Amino acid sequence: MKTALKIITALFGLFWLVFGLNNFLHFFSIPEPSQAGTDFMQALENTGYVLPLVYGVQVIAGLMLLIRRFVPLALLLLAPIVANILLYDLFLNPSGLVIGCVIGVLYVAVLFDHKHKFIPLLKP
C-alpha cells in the first residue's frame, strides 16, 4: 500500500508540474470550456496576477510532491486550487467534472497518506 501511495504522490506531483508549466510554455492545448467557464477564466486572466500566481503554485507544489519533500505544505497550497477546480467544473464546466473528480480523489489519497501531519491542525 505504501508503494502505491508513493507512486500516486509522484504522479500527482507530475500532473501539477506538467499542467502548471503548460500554462506558461503552452506545449499542449487544453479542451475549450463552456462559455461560462471561458468568461470566468478570462476575468481571472484580466486581473494580470491571479492566474500566474496559481500556475506558479502548481509548479512549486508539483515539484514538492514529485520529490516527496514538504508534501504537507504542497497539499495545503493545492487545497484551494483543487476546491476551485471541482467547483468550476461543477458549476461552470460540467463536461470537465470527471477530470475534476479524479483530481479530487487523488488529492484525498495523498492527503490520507499524510493525515498524521494534519491531525494537530484540527485540535483546539
C-alpha atoms as a PDB file:
ATOM      1  CA  MET A   1       0.000   0.000   0.000  1.00  0.00           C
ATOM      2  CA  LYS A   2       2.841   2.393   0.847  1.00  0.00           C
ATOM      3  CA  THR A   3       4.440   1.829  -2.551  1.00  0.00           C
ATOM      4  CA  ALA A   4       1.147   2.549  -4.303  1.00  0.00           C
ATOM      5  CA  LEU A   5       0.728   5.785  -2.343  1.00  0.00           C
ATOM      6  CA  LYS A   6       4.286   6.836  -3.218  1.00  0.00           C
ATOM      7  CA  ILE A   7       3.523   6.242  -6.887  1.00  0.00           C
ATOM      8  CA  ILE A   8       0.226   8.146  -6.611  1.00  0.00           C
ATOM      9  CA  THR A   9       2.026  11.040  -4.904  1.00  0.00           C
ATOM     10  CA  ALA A  10       4.692  11.142  -7.619  1.00  0.00           C
ATOM     11  CA  LEU A  11       2.114  11.006 -10.422  1.00  0.00           C
ATOM     12  CA  PHE A  12       0.020  13.667  -8.708  1.00  0.00           C
ATOM     13  CA  GLY A  13       3.116  15.856  -8.445  1.00  0.00           C
ATOM     14  CA  LEU A  14       3.973  15.229 -12.086  1.00  0.00           C
ATOM     15  CA  PHE A  15       0.423  16.207 -13.050  1.00  0.00           C
ATOM     16  CA  TRP A  16       0.692  19.574 -11.256  1.00  0.00           C
ATOM     17  CA  LEU A  17       4.190  20.221 -12.571  1.00  0.00           C
ATOM     18  CA  VAL A  18       3.274  19.481 -16.198  1.00  0.00           C
ATOM     19  CA  PHE A  19      -0.019  21.379 -16.190  1.00  0.00           C
ATOM     20  CA  GLY A  20       1.485  24.295 -14.267  1.00  0.00           C
ATOM     21  CA  LEU A  21       4.360  24.573 -16.754  1.00  0.00           C
ATOM     22  CA  ASN A  22       1.960  24.137 -19.667  1.00  0.00           C
ATOM     23  CA  ASN A  23       0.199  27.328 -18.643  1.00  0.00           C
ATOM     24  CA  PHE A  24       3.495  29.210 -19.043  1.00  0.00           C
ATOM     25  CA  LEU A  25       5.030  27.335 -22.001  1.00  0.00           C
ATOM     26  CA  HIS A  26       1.921  26.109 -23.910  1.00  0.00           C
ATOM     27  CA  PHE A  27       3.329  22.777 -25.098  1.00  0.00           C
ATOM     28  CA  PHE A  28      -0.114  21.198 -25.459  1.00  0.00           C
ATOM     29  CA  SER A  29      -3.635  22.531 -25.784  1.00  0.00           C
ATOM     30  CA  ILE A  30      -6.443  22.104 -23.297  1.00  0.00           C
ATOM     31  CA  PRO A  31     -10.052  21.484 -24.441  1.00  0.00           C
ATOM     32  CA  GLU A  32     -12.236  24.561 -24.659  1.00  0.00           C
ATOM     33  CA  PRO A  33     -14.519  25.000 -21.652  1.00  0.00           C
ATOM     34  CA  SER A  34     -18.134  26.129 -21.770  1.00  0.00           C
ATOM     35  CA  GLN A  35     -18.884  29.794 -22.453  1.00  0.00           C
ATOM     36  CA  ALA A  36     -19.427  30.459 -18.735  1.00  0.00           C
ATOM     37  CA  GLY A  37     -16.106  28.764 -17.988  1.00  0.00           C
ATOM     38  CA  THR A  38     -14.355  30.794 -20.670  1.00  0.00           C
ATOM     39  CA  ASP A  39     -15.814  34.032 -19.297  1.00  0.00           C
ATOM     40  CA  PHE A  40     -14.663  33.163 -15.780  1.00  0.00           C
ATOM     41  CA  MET A  41     -11.139  32.272 -16.892  1.00  0.00           C
ATOM     42  CA  GLN A  42     -10.954  35.448 -18.981  1.00  0.00           C
ATOM     43  CA  ALA A  43     -11.930  37.514 -15.936  1.00  0.00           C
ATOM     44  CA  LEU A  44      -9.155  35.864 -13.911  1.00  0.00           C
ATOM     45  CA  GLU A  45      -6.691  36.439 -16.732  1.00  0.00           C
ATOM     46  CA  ASN A  46      -7.670  40.097 -16.966  1.00  0.00           C
ATOM     47  CA  THR A  47      -6.535  40.684 -13.380  1.00  0.00           C
ATOM     48  CA  GLY A  48      -2.990  40.134 -14.567  1.00  0.00           C
ATOM     49  CA  TYR A  49      -1.821  38.359 -11.411  1.00  0.00           C
ATOM     50  CA  VAL A  50      -4.241  35.632 -10.305  1.00  0.00           C
ATOM     51  CA  LEU A  51      -3.515  33.002 -12.938  1.00  0.00           C
ATOM     52  CA  PRO A  52       0.291  33.400 -12.962  1.00  0.00           C
ATOM     53  CA  LEU A  53       0.204  33.053  -9.172  1.00  0.00           C
ATOM     54  CA  VAL A  54      -1.947  29.915  -9.364  1.00  0.00           C
ATOM     55  CA  TYR A  55       0.231  28.407 -12.097  1.00  0.00           C
ATOM     56  CA  GLY A  56       3.387  29.160 -10.129  1.00  0.00           C
ATOM     57  CA  VAL A  57       1.924  27.476  -7.058  1.00  0.00           C
ATOM     58  CA  GLN A  58       1.034  24.464  -9.209  1.00  0.00           C
ATOM     59  CA  VAL A  59       4.633  24.167 -10.435  1.00  0.00           C
ATOM     60  CA  ILE A  60       6.171  24.555  -6.972  1.00  0.00           C
ATOM     61  CA  ALA A  61       3.699  22.193  -5.286  1.00  0.00           C
ATOM     62  CA  GLY A  62       4.118  19.696  -8.120  1.00  0.00           C
ATOM     63  CA  LEU A  63       7.876  19.670  -7.579  1.00  0.00           C
ATOM     64  CA  MET A  64       7.388  19.218  -3.835  1.00  0.00           C
ATOM     65  CA  LEU A  65       5.118  16.233  -4.423  1.00  0.00           C
ATOM     66  CA  LEU A  66       7.329  14.745  -7.118  1.00  0.00           C
ATOM     67  CA  ILE A  67      10.445  14.762  -4.938  1.00  0.00           C
ATOM     68  CA  ARG A  68       8.377  13.939  -1.825  1.00  0.00           C
ATOM     69  CA  ARG A  69       9.696  16.880   0.193  1.00  0.00           C
ATOM     70  CA  PHE A  70       7.362  19.227   2.073  1.00  0.00           C
ATOM     71  CA  VAL A  71       4.368  17.160   0.928  1.00  0.00           C
ATOM     72  CA  PRO A  72       2.035  18.536   3.645  1.00  0.00           C
ATOM     73  CA  LEU A  73       2.905  22.096   2.580  1.00  0.00           C
ATOM     74  CA  ALA A  74       2.262  21.188  -1.057  1.00  0.00           C
ATOM     75  CA  LEU A  75      -1.134  19.775  -0.083  1.00  0.00           C
ATOM     76  CA  LEU A  76      -2.007  22.949   1.821  1.00  0.00           C
ATOM     77  CA  LEU A  77      -1.015  25.071  -1.181  1.00  0.00           C
ATOM     78  CA  LEU A  78      -3.072  22.920  -3.537  1.00  0.00           C
ATOM     79  CA  ALA A  79      -6.211  22.704  -1.369  1.00  0.00           C
ATOM     80  CA  PRO A  80      -7.850  25.919  -2.655  1.00  0.00           C
ATOM     81  CA  ILE A  81      -6.824  25.106  -6.223  1.00  0.00           C
ATOM     82  CA  VAL A  82      -8.359  21.619  -6.060  1.00  0.00           C
ATOM     83  CA  ALA A  83     -11.517  23.034  -4.461  1.00  0.00           C
ATOM     84  CA  ASN A  84     -11.806  25.646  -7.210  1.00  0.00           C
ATOM     85  CA  ILE A  85     -11.258  23.066  -9.947  1.00  0.00           C
ATOM     86  CA  LEU A  86     -14.080  20.934  -8.537  1.00  0.00           C
ATOM     87  CA  LEU A  87     -16.441  23.895  -8.113  1.00  0.00           C
ATOM     88  CA  TYR A  88     -15.530  25.339 -11.522  1.00  0.00           C
ATOM     89  CA  ASP A  89     -16.286  22.006 -13.185  1.00  0.00           C
ATOM     90  CA  LEU A  90     -19.469  21.533 -11.168  1.00  0.00           C
ATOM     91  CA  PHE A  91     -20.967  24.959 -11.861  1.00  0.00           C
ATOM     92  CA  LEU A  92     -19.289  26.372 -14.970  1.00  0.00           C
ATOM     93  CA  ASN A  93     -17.919  23.470 -16.993  1.00  0.00           C
ATOM     94  CA  PRO A  94     -19.805  20.214 -16.293  1.00  0.00           C
ATOM     95  CA  SER A  95     -18.084  18.436 -19.195  1.00  0.00           C
ATOM     96  CA  GLY A  96     -14.836  18.578 -17.205  1.00  0.00           C
ATOM     97  CA  LEU A  97     -16.324  17.205 -13.992  1.00  0.00           C
ATOM     98  CA  VAL A  98     -14.810  13.737 -14.451  1.00  0.00           C
ATOM     99  CA  ILE A  99     -11.302  15.196 -14.554  1.00  0.00           C
ATOM    100  CA  GLY A 100     -12.080  17.396 -11.568  1.00  0.00           C
ATOM    101  CA  CYS A 101     -13.298  14.385  -9.603  1.00  0.00           C
ATOM    102  CA  VAL A 102     -10.170  12.394 -10.485  1.00  0.00           C
ATOM    103  CA  ILE A 103      -8.026  15.293  -9.244  1.00  0.00           C
ATOM    104  CA  GLY A 104     -10.106  15.428  -6.062  1.00  0.00           C
ATOM    105  CA  VAL A 105      -9.789  11.684  -5.433  1.00  0.00           C
ATOM    106  CA  LEU A 106      -6.015  11.757  -5.985  1.00  0.00           C
ATOM    107  CA  TYR A 107      -5.739  14.735  -3.649  1.00  0.00           C
ATOM    108  CA  VAL A 108      -7.657  12.903  -0.920  1.00  0.00           C
ATOM    109  CA  ALA A 109      -5.500   9.781  -1.411  1.00  0.00           C
ATOM    110  CA  VAL A 110      -2.280  11.756  -0.931  1.00  0.00           C
ATOM    111  CA  LEU A 111      -3.847  13.684   1.954  1.00  0.00           C
ATOM    112  CA  PHE A 112      -4.873  10.412   3.607  1.00  0.00           C
ATOM    113  CA  ASP A 113      -1.282   9.183   3.382  1.00  0.00           C
ATOM    114  CA  HIS A 114      -0.160  12.279   5.333  1.00  0.00           C
ATOM    115  CA  LYS A 115      -3.135  12.611   7.670  1.00  0.00           C
ATOM    116  CA  HIS A 116      -0.911  12.344  10.746  1.00  0.00           C
ATOM    117  CA  LYS A 117       0.630  15.705   9.805  1.00  0.00           C
ATOM    118  CA  PHE A 118      -2.774  17.404   9.634  1.00  0.00           C
ATOM    119  CA  ILE A 119      -4.489  15.992  12.726  1.00  0.00           C
ATOM    120  CA  PRO A 120      -2.779  18.525  15.063  1.00  0.00           C
ATOM    121  CA  LEU A 121      -4.264  21.347  12.971  1.00  0.00           C
ATOM    122  CA  LEU A 122      -7.751  20.139  13.865  1.00  0.00           C
ATOM    123  CA  LYS A 123      -7.214  20.093  17.614  1.00  0.00           C
ATOM    124  CA  PRO A 124      -8.472  23.119  19.579  1.00  0.00           C
END
